[in-house]
């Protein structure tokens, strides 16, 4: 019986990382087949909004 390869989930914790996460997420998604979970700790710099915009464009 063939066993499926476990699914990969990448968890990225963030705080004030808007500029970094905008470059990081496309790189991670292009490198491996995975799900990405971004955990933001209420960043005042708009990290969550930037991630939401990237997700909406995907």
PDB file of N, CA and C in Angstrom:
ATOM      1  N   UNK A   1       0.844  -1.175   0.000  1.00  0.00           N
ATOM      2  CA  UNK A   1       0.000   0.000   0.000  1.00  0.00           C
ATOM      3  C   UNK A   1       0.895   1.245   0.000  1.00  0.00           C
ATOM      4  N   UNK A   2       0.573   2.168  -0.862  1.00  0.00           N
ATOM      5  CA  UNK A   2       1.321   3.419  -0.929  1.00  0.00           C
ATOM      6  C   UNK A   2       0.877   4.357   0.185  1.00  0.00           C
ATOM      7  N   UNK A   3       1.853   4.993   0.794  1.00  0.00           N
ATOM      8  CA  UNK A   3       1.539   5.971   1.833  1.00  0.00           C
ATOM      9  C   UNK A   3       1.756   7.365   1.273  1.00  0.00           C
ATOM     10  N   UNK A   4       0.849   8.230   1.557  1.00  0.00           N
ATOM     11  CA  UNK A   4       0.961   9.612   1.086  1.00  0.00           C
ATOM     12  C   UNK A   4       2.053  10.335   1.871  1.00  0.00           C
ATOM     13  N   UNK A   5       2.714  11.237   1.188  1.00  0.00           N
ATOM     14  CA  UNK A   5       3.710  12.076   1.854  1.00  0.00           C
ATOM     15  C   UNK A   5       2.970  13.038   2.777  1.00  0.00           C
ATOM     16  N   UNK A   6       3.439  13.200   3.999  1.00  0.00           N
ATOM     17  CA  UNK A   6       2.753  14.133   4.902  1.00  0.00           C
ATOM     18  C   UNK A   6       2.708  15.543   4.315  1.00  0.00           C
ATOM     19  N   UNK A   7       1.610  16.198   4.521  1.00  0.00           N
ATOM     20  CA  UNK A   7       1.453  17.571   4.049  1.00  0.00           C
ATOM     21  C   UNK A   7       2.310  18.500   4.908  1.00  0.00           C
ATOM     22  N   UNK A   8       2.924  19.465   4.266  1.00  0.00           N
ATOM     23  CA  UNK A   8       3.795  20.400   4.974  1.00  0.00           C
ATOM     24  C   UNK A   8       3.044  21.688   5.273  1.00  0.00           C
ATOM     25  N   UNK A   9       3.142  22.113   6.507  1.00  0.00           N
ATOM     26  CA  UNK A   9       2.573  23.388   6.924  1.00  0.00           C
ATOM     27  C   UNK A   9       3.711  24.233   7.485  1.00  0.00           C
ATOM     28  N   UNK A  10       3.876  25.426   6.940  1.00  0.00           N
ATOM     29  CA  UNK A  10       4.897  26.357   7.407  1.00  0.00           C
ATOM     30  C   UNK A  10       4.200  27.420   8.245  1.00  0.00           C
ATOM     31  N   UNK A  11       4.647  27.585   9.477  1.00  0.00           N
ATOM     32  CA  UNK A  11       4.081  28.591  10.375  1.00  0.00           C
ATOM     33  C   UNK A  11       5.097  29.724  10.500  1.00  0.00           C
ATOM     34  N   UNK A  12       4.644  30.943  10.205  1.00  0.00           N
ATOM     35  CA  UNK A  12       5.526  32.109  10.246  1.00  0.00           C
ATOM     36  C   UNK A  12       4.993  33.088  11.291  1.00  0.00           C
ATOM     37  N   UNK A  13       5.683  33.193  12.439  1.00  0.00           N
ATOM     38  CA  UNK A  13       5.271  34.188  13.434  1.00  0.00           C
ATOM     39  C   UNK A  13       5.787  35.568  13.028  1.00  0.00           C
ATOM     40  N   UNK A  14       4.966  36.591  13.202  1.00  0.00           N
ATOM     41  CA  UNK A  14       5.377  37.934  12.785  1.00  0.00           C
ATOM     42  C   UNK A  14       5.001  38.979  13.828  1.00  0.00           C
ATOM     43  N   UNK A  15       5.780  40.035  13.837  1.00  0.00           N
ATOM     44  CA  UNK A  15       5.460  41.265  14.567  1.00  0.00           C
ATOM     45  C   UNK A  15       6.269  42.374  13.915  1.00  0.00           C
ATOM     46  N   UNK A  16       5.591  43.340  13.366  1.00  0.00           N
ATOM     47  CA  UNK A  16       6.231  44.439  12.630  1.00  0.00           C
ATOM     48  C   UNK A  16       7.148  43.922  11.521  1.00  0.00           C
ATOM     49  N   UNK A  17       6.641  42.998  10.732  1.00  0.00           N
ATOM     50  CA  UNK A  17       7.435  42.382   9.668  1.00  0.00           C
ATOM     51  C   UNK A  17       6.818  42.585   8.286  1.00  0.00           C
ATOM     52  N   UNK A  18       6.034  43.631   8.107  1.00  0.00           N
ATOM     53  CA  UNK A  18       5.347  43.846   6.832  1.00  0.00           C
ATOM     54  C   UNK A  18       6.301  43.782   5.645  1.00  0.00           C
ATOM     55  N   UNK A  19       7.370  44.534   5.689  1.00  0.00           N
ATOM     56  CA  UNK A  19       8.288  44.576   4.551  1.00  0.00           C
ATOM     57  C   UNK A  19       8.954  43.227   4.301  1.00  0.00           C
ATOM     58  N   UNK A  20       9.273  42.504   5.356  1.00  0.00           N
ATOM     59  CA  UNK A  20       9.921  41.200   5.200  1.00  0.00           C
ATOM     60  C   UNK A  20       8.953  40.124   4.718  1.00  0.00           C
ATOM     61  N   UNK A  21       7.749  40.106   5.268  1.00  0.00           N
ATOM     62  CA  UNK A  21       6.808  39.037   4.931  1.00  0.00           C
ATOM     63  C   UNK A  21       6.321  39.151   3.482  1.00  0.00           C
ATOM     64  N   UNK A  22       6.266  40.361   2.952  1.00  0.00           N
ATOM     65  CA  UNK A  22       5.838  40.552   1.561  1.00  0.00           C
ATOM     66  C   UNK A  22       6.817  39.880   0.594  1.00  0.00           C
ATOM     67  N   UNK A  23       8.085  39.860   0.927  1.00  0.00           N
ATOM     68  CA  UNK A  23       9.072  39.167   0.103  1.00  0.00           C
ATOM     69  C   UNK A  23       9.199  37.698   0.439  1.00  0.00           C
ATOM     70  N   UNK A  24       8.981  37.357   1.707  1.00  0.00           N
ATOM     71  CA  UNK A  24       9.159  35.983   2.160  1.00  0.00           C
ATOM     72  C   UNK A  24       8.076  35.036   1.651  1.00  0.00           C
ATOM     73  N   UNK A  25       6.824  35.430   1.744  1.00  0.00           N
ATOM     74  CA  UNK A  25       5.731  34.517   1.396  1.00  0.00           C
ATOM     75  C   UNK A  25       5.804  34.003  -0.042  1.00  0.00           C
ATOM     76  N   UNK A  26       5.976  34.851  -1.045  1.00  0.00           N
ATOM     77  CA  UNK A  26       6.082  34.320  -2.410  1.00  0.00           C
ATOM     78  C   UNK A  26       7.278  33.382  -2.582  1.00  0.00           C
ATOM     79  N   UNK A  27       8.364  33.658  -1.879  1.00  0.00           N
ATOM     80  CA  UNK A  27       9.548  32.803  -1.963  1.00  0.00           C
ATOM     81  C   UNK A  27       9.269  31.425  -1.380  1.00  0.00           C
ATOM     82  N   UNK A  28       8.633  31.378  -0.227  1.00  0.00           N
ATOM     83  CA  UNK A  28       8.297  30.100   0.410  1.00  0.00           C
ATOM     84  C   UNK A  28       7.341  29.311  -0.472  1.00  0.00           C
ATOM     85  N   UNK A  29       6.307  29.964  -0.967  1.00  0.00           N
ATOM     86  CA  UNK A  29       5.305  29.271  -1.782  1.00  0.00           C
ATOM     87  C   UNK A  29       5.876  28.769  -3.102  1.00  0.00           C
ATOM     88  N   UNK A  30       6.863  29.457  -3.648  1.00  0.00           N
ATOM     89  CA  UNK A  30       7.492  29.015  -4.893  1.00  0.00           C
ATOM     90  C   UNK A  30       8.471  27.871  -4.652  1.00  0.00           C
ATOM     91  N   UNK A  31       9.022  27.790  -3.458  1.00  0.00           N
ATOM     92  CA  UNK A  31      10.059  26.801  -3.170  1.00  0.00           C
ATOM     93  C   UNK A  31       9.498  25.418  -2.859  1.00  0.00           C
ATOM     94  N   UNK A  32       8.396  25.358  -2.120  1.00  0.00           N
ATOM     95  CA  UNK A  32       7.846  24.062  -1.724  1.00  0.00           C
ATOM     96  C   UNK A  32       6.329  24.083  -1.816  1.00  0.00           C
ATOM     97  N   UNK A  33       5.765  22.884  -1.968  1.00  0.00           N
ATOM     98  CA  UNK A  33       4.314  22.729  -1.983  1.00  0.00           C
ATOM     99  C   UNK A  33       3.860  22.638  -0.527  1.00  0.00           C
ATOM    100  N   UNK A  34       3.244  23.687  -0.034  1.00  0.00           N
ATOM    101  CA  UNK A  34       2.888  23.712   1.376  1.00  0.00           C
ATOM    102  C   UNK A  34       1.721  24.656   1.630  1.00  0.00           C
ATOM    103  N   UNK A  35       1.220  24.550   2.830  1.00  0.00           N
ATOM    104  CA  UNK A  35       0.280  25.535   3.356  1.00  0.00           C
ATOM    105  C   UNK A  35       1.088  26.464   4.242  1.00  0.00           C
ATOM    106  N   UNK A  36       0.732  27.740   4.248  1.00  0.00           N
ATOM    107  CA  UNK A  36       1.434  28.710   5.088  1.00  0.00           C
ATOM    108  C   UNK A  36       0.435  29.323   6.060  1.00  0.00           C
ATOM    109  N   UNK A  37       0.810  29.338   7.324  1.00  0.00           N
ATOM    110  CA  UNK A  37       0.024  29.989   8.362  1.00  0.00           C
ATOM    111  C   UNK A  37       0.875  31.129   8.907  1.00  0.00           C
ATOM    112  N   UNK A  38       0.370  32.345   8.786  1.00  0.00           N
ATOM    113  CA  UNK A  38       1.074  33.503   9.327  1.00  0.00           C
ATOM    114  C   UNK A  38       0.359  33.907  10.609  1.00  0.00           C
ATOM    115  N   UNK A  39       1.116  33.969  11.692  1.00  0.00           N
ATOM    116  CA  UNK A  39       0.574  34.359  12.989  1.00  0.00           C
ATOM    117  C   UNK A  39       1.127  35.742  13.310  1.00  0.00           C
ATOM    118  N   UNK A  40       0.245  36.731  13.339  1.00  0.00           N
ATOM    119  CA  UNK A  40       0.676  38.101  13.603  1.00  0.00           C
ATOM    120  C   UNK A  40       0.186  38.532  14.978  1.00  0.00           C
ATOM    121  N   UNK A  41       1.056  39.167  15.730  1.00  0.00           N
ATOM    122  CA  UNK A  41       0.736  39.598  17.094  1.00  0.00           C
ATOM    123  C   UNK A  41       0.288  41.059  17.118  1.00  0.00           C
ATOM    124  N   UNK A  42      -0.724  41.368  16.297  1.00  0.00           N
ATOM    125  CA  UNK A  42      -1.319  42.710  16.248  1.00  0.00           C
ATOM    126  C   UNK A  42      -0.289  43.789  15.911  1.00  0.00           C
ATOM    127  N   UNK A  43       0.488  43.540  14.869  1.00  0.00           N
ATOM    128  CA  UNK A  43       1.517  44.490  14.442  1.00  0.00           C
ATOM    129  C   UNK A  43       0.911  45.833  14.063  1.00  0.00           C
ATOM    130  N   UNK A  44       1.500  46.926  14.536  1.00  0.00           N
ATOM    131  CA  UNK A  44       0.993  48.243  14.177  1.00  0.00           C
ATOM    132  C   UNK A  44       1.437  48.703  12.790  1.00  0.00           C
ATOM    133  N   UNK A  45       2.312  47.941  12.125  1.00  0.00           N
ATOM    134  CA  UNK A  45       2.850  48.377  10.829  1.00  0.00           C
ATOM    135  C   UNK A  45       2.049  47.876   9.629  1.00  0.00           C
ATOM    136  N   UNK A  46       0.953  47.155   9.862  1.00  0.00           N
ATOM    137  CA  UNK A  46       0.133  46.676   8.756  1.00  0.00           C
ATOM    138  C   UNK A  46       0.530  45.307   8.230  1.00  0.00           C
ATOM    139  N   UNK A  47       1.248  44.534   9.037  1.00  0.00           N
ATOM    140  CA  UNK A  47       1.654  43.193   8.615  1.00  0.00           C
ATOM    141  C   UNK A  47       0.438  42.342   8.240  1.00  0.00           C
ATOM    142  N   UNK A  48      -0.564  42.316   9.093  1.00  0.00           N
ATOM    143  CA  UNK A  48      -1.746  41.486   8.838  1.00  0.00           C
ATOM    144  C   UNK A  48      -2.453  41.901   7.552  1.00  0.00           C
ATOM    145  N   UNK A  49      -2.549  43.180   7.299  1.00  0.00           N
ATOM    146  CA  UNK A  49      -3.201  43.661   6.085  1.00  0.00           C
ATOM    147  C   UNK A  49      -2.389  43.284   4.845  1.00  0.00           C
ATOM    148  N   UNK A  50      -1.075  43.342   4.941  1.00  0.00           N
ATOM    149  CA  UNK A  50      -0.222  42.962   3.812  1.00  0.00           C
ATOM    150  C   UNK A  50      -0.363  41.479   3.508  1.00  0.00           C
ATOM    151  N   UNK A  51      -0.417  40.657   4.546  1.00  0.00           N
ATOM    152  CA  UNK A  51      -0.597  39.213   4.356  1.00  0.00           C
ATOM    153  C   UNK A  51      -1.972  38.933   3.763  1.00  0.00           C
ATOM    154  N   UNK A  52      -2.989  39.619   4.242  1.00  0.00           N
ATOM    155  CA  UNK A  52      -4.340  39.435   3.701  1.00  0.00           C
ATOM    156  C   UNK A  52      -4.393  39.814   2.226  1.00  0.00           C
ATOM    157  N   UNK A  53      -3.708  40.871   1.849  1.00  0.00           N
ATOM    158  CA  UNK A  53      -3.683  41.285   0.441  1.00  0.00           C
ATOM    159  C   UNK A  53      -2.981  40.240  -0.420  1.00  0.00           C
ATOM    160  N   UNK A  54      -1.892  39.672   0.080  1.00  0.00           N
ATOM    161  CA  UNK A  54      -1.202  38.611  -0.664  1.00  0.00           C
ATOM    162  C   UNK A  54      -2.091  37.383  -0.806  1.00  0.00           C
ATOM    163  N   UNK A  55      -2.798  37.026   0.258  1.00  0.00           N
ATOM    164  CA  UNK A  55      -3.685  35.859   0.213  1.00  0.00           C
ATOM    165  C   UNK A  55      -4.832  36.080  -0.768  1.00  0.00           C
ATOM    166  N   UNK A  56      -5.366  37.283  -0.800  1.00  0.00           N
ATOM    167  CA  UNK A  56      -6.473  37.585  -1.711  1.00  0.00           C
ATOM    168  C   UNK A  56      -6.028  37.536  -3.166  1.00  0.00           C
ATOM    169  N   UNK A  57      -4.763  37.868  -3.412  1.00  0.00           N
ATOM    170  CA  UNK A  57      -4.241  37.868  -4.781  1.00  0.00           C
ATOM    171  C   UNK A  57      -3.863  36.471  -5.256  1.00  0.00           C
ATOM    172  N   UNK A  58      -3.762  35.516  -4.331  1.00  0.00           N
ATOM    173  CA  UNK A  58      -3.328  34.156  -4.677  1.00  0.00           C
ATOM    174  C   UNK A  58      -4.457  33.363  -5.278  1.00  0.00           C
TER     175      UNK A  58
END
